[in-house]
C-alpha atoms as a PDB file:
ATOM      1  CA  UNK A   1      17.879   0.715 -33.972  1.00  0.00           C
ATOM      2  CA  UNK A   2      14.468  -0.674 -33.012  1.00  0.00           C
ATOM      3  CA  UNK A   3      11.721   1.674 -31.915  1.00  0.00           C
ATOM      4  CA  UNK A   4      10.614   1.002 -28.328  1.00  0.00           C
ATOM      5  CA  UNK A   5       7.182  -0.480 -27.786  1.00  0.00           C
ATOM      6  CA  UNK A   6       4.676   2.120 -26.606  1.00  0.00           C
ATOM      7  CA  UNK A   7       1.851   1.061 -24.271  1.00  0.00           C
ATOM      8  CA  UNK A   8      -0.873   2.988 -22.477  1.00  0.00           C
ATOM      9  CA  UNK A   9      -0.716   3.190 -18.698  1.00  0.00           C
ATOM     10  CA  UNK A  10      -3.569   0.954 -17.450  1.00  0.00           C
ATOM     11  CA  UNK A  11      -4.587   3.607 -14.911  1.00  0.00           C
ATOM     12  CA  UNK A  12      -4.391   6.979 -16.672  1.00  0.00           C
ATOM     13  CA  UNK A  13      -3.810   6.026 -20.343  1.00  0.00           C
ATOM     14  CA  UNK A  14      -0.545   8.036 -20.599  1.00  0.00           C
ATOM     15  CA  UNK A  15       1.768   6.678 -23.297  1.00  0.00           C
ATOM     16  CA  UNK A  16       4.684   4.736 -21.779  1.00  0.00           C
ATOM     17  CA  UNK A  17       7.797   3.452 -23.552  1.00  0.00           C
ATOM     18  CA  UNK A  18       8.624  -0.145 -22.665  1.00  0.00           C
ATOM     19  CA  UNK A  19      12.201   0.756 -21.707  1.00  0.00           C
ATOM     20  CA  UNK A  20      14.318   1.046 -18.579  1.00  0.00           C
ATOM     21  CA  UNK A  21      13.428   4.753 -18.534  1.00  0.00           C
ATOM     22  CA  UNK A  22      10.040   3.709 -17.115  1.00  0.00           C
ATOM     23  CA  UNK A  23      10.779   1.323 -14.205  1.00  0.00           C
ATOM     24  CA  UNK A  24       7.073   1.129 -13.239  1.00  0.00           C
ATOM     25  CA  UNK A  25       5.992  -0.093 -16.682  1.00  0.00           C
ATOM     26  CA  UNK A  26       3.341  -0.746 -17.817  1.00  0.00           C
ATOM     27  CA  UNK A  27       2.407   2.097 -15.475  1.00  0.00           C
ATOM     28  CA  UNK A  28       3.670   5.629 -16.051  1.00  0.00           C
ATOM     29  CA  UNK A  29       4.446   6.209 -12.367  1.00  0.00           C
ATOM     30  CA  UNK A  30       4.516   4.608  -8.944  1.00  0.00           C
ATOM     31  CA  UNK A  31       1.312   6.516  -8.153  1.00  0.00           C
ATOM     32  CA  UNK A  32      -0.586   4.817 -10.995  1.00  0.00           C
ATOM     33  CA  UNK A  33       0.857   1.452  -9.937  1.00  0.00           C
ATOM     34  CA  UNK A  34      -0.394   1.991  -6.369  1.00  0.00           C
ATOM     35  CA  UNK A  35      -3.859   3.046  -7.582  1.00  0.00           C
ATOM     36  CA  UNK A  36      -4.092  -0.179  -9.602  1.00  0.00           C
ATOM     37  CA  UNK A  37      -2.912  -2.263  -6.636  1.00  0.00           C
ATOM     38  CA  UNK A  38      -5.533  -0.595  -4.432  1.00  0.00           C
ATOM     39  CA  UNK A  39      -8.277  -1.480  -6.911  1.00  0.00           C
ATOM     40  CA  UNK A  40      -7.255  -5.157  -6.757  1.00  0.00           C
ATOM     41  CA  UNK A  41      -6.878  -5.080  -2.951  1.00  0.00           C
ATOM     42  CA  UNK A  42     -10.368  -3.634  -2.451  1.00  0.00           C
ATOM     43  CA  UNK A  43     -11.749  -6.097  -5.012  1.00  0.00           C
ATOM     44  CA  UNK A  44     -12.889  -3.323  -7.342  1.00  0.00           C
ATOM     45  CA  UNK A  45     -11.071  -5.422  -9.947  1.00  0.00           C
ATOM     46  CA  UNK A  46     -11.552  -9.167 -10.056  1.00  0.00           C
ATOM     47  CA  UNK A  47     -11.141 -12.113 -12.386  1.00  0.00           C
ATOM     48  CA  UNK A  48     -14.432 -13.548 -13.588  1.00  0.00           C
ATOM     49  CA  UNK A  49     -15.290 -17.125 -12.726  1.00  0.00           C
ATOM     50  CA  UNK A  50     -15.712 -19.410  -9.779  1.00  0.00           C
ATOM     51  CA  UNK A  51     -13.073 -19.330  -7.022  1.00  0.00           C
ATOM     52  CA  UNK A  52     -10.583 -22.172  -7.346  1.00  0.00           C
ATOM     53  CA  UNK A  53     -10.210 -22.459  -3.548  1.00  0.00           C
ATOM     54  CA  UNK A  54     -12.993 -23.374  -1.126  1.00  0.00           C
ATOM     55  CA  UNK A  55     -12.828 -20.723   1.629  1.00  0.00           C
ATOM     56  CA  UNK A  56     -14.415 -23.126   4.135  1.00  0.00           C
ATOM     57  CA  UNK A  57     -11.474 -25.541   3.728  1.00  0.00           C
ATOM     58  CA  UNK A  58      -8.699 -22.968   4.088  1.00  0.00           C
ATOM     59  CA  UNK A  59      -6.510 -23.652   7.099  1.00  0.00           C
ATOM     60  CA  UNK A  60      -7.825 -27.198   7.749  1.00  0.00           C
ATOM     61  CA  UNK A  61      -4.295 -28.648   7.472  1.00  0.00           C
ATOM     62  CA  UNK A  62      -3.029 -26.233  10.142  1.00  0.00           C
ATOM     63  CA  UNK A  63      -3.642 -28.232  13.314  1.00  0.00           C
ATOM     64  CA  UNK A  64      -1.496 -26.384  15.870  1.00  0.00           C
END
């Protein structure tokens, strides 16, 4: 039998087995998943580089 892959929770660094026993993987819990989501939503986390969309052109095709 293969040993399950073990990863660290991105939020709290707890060891997490990559199995169905941890449905929130790679997070250890729903709480850690929500903390991570909040960091992206508040733009505490971001992807480096120039935006691929021009904010001034968003919605131009929507002529209602």
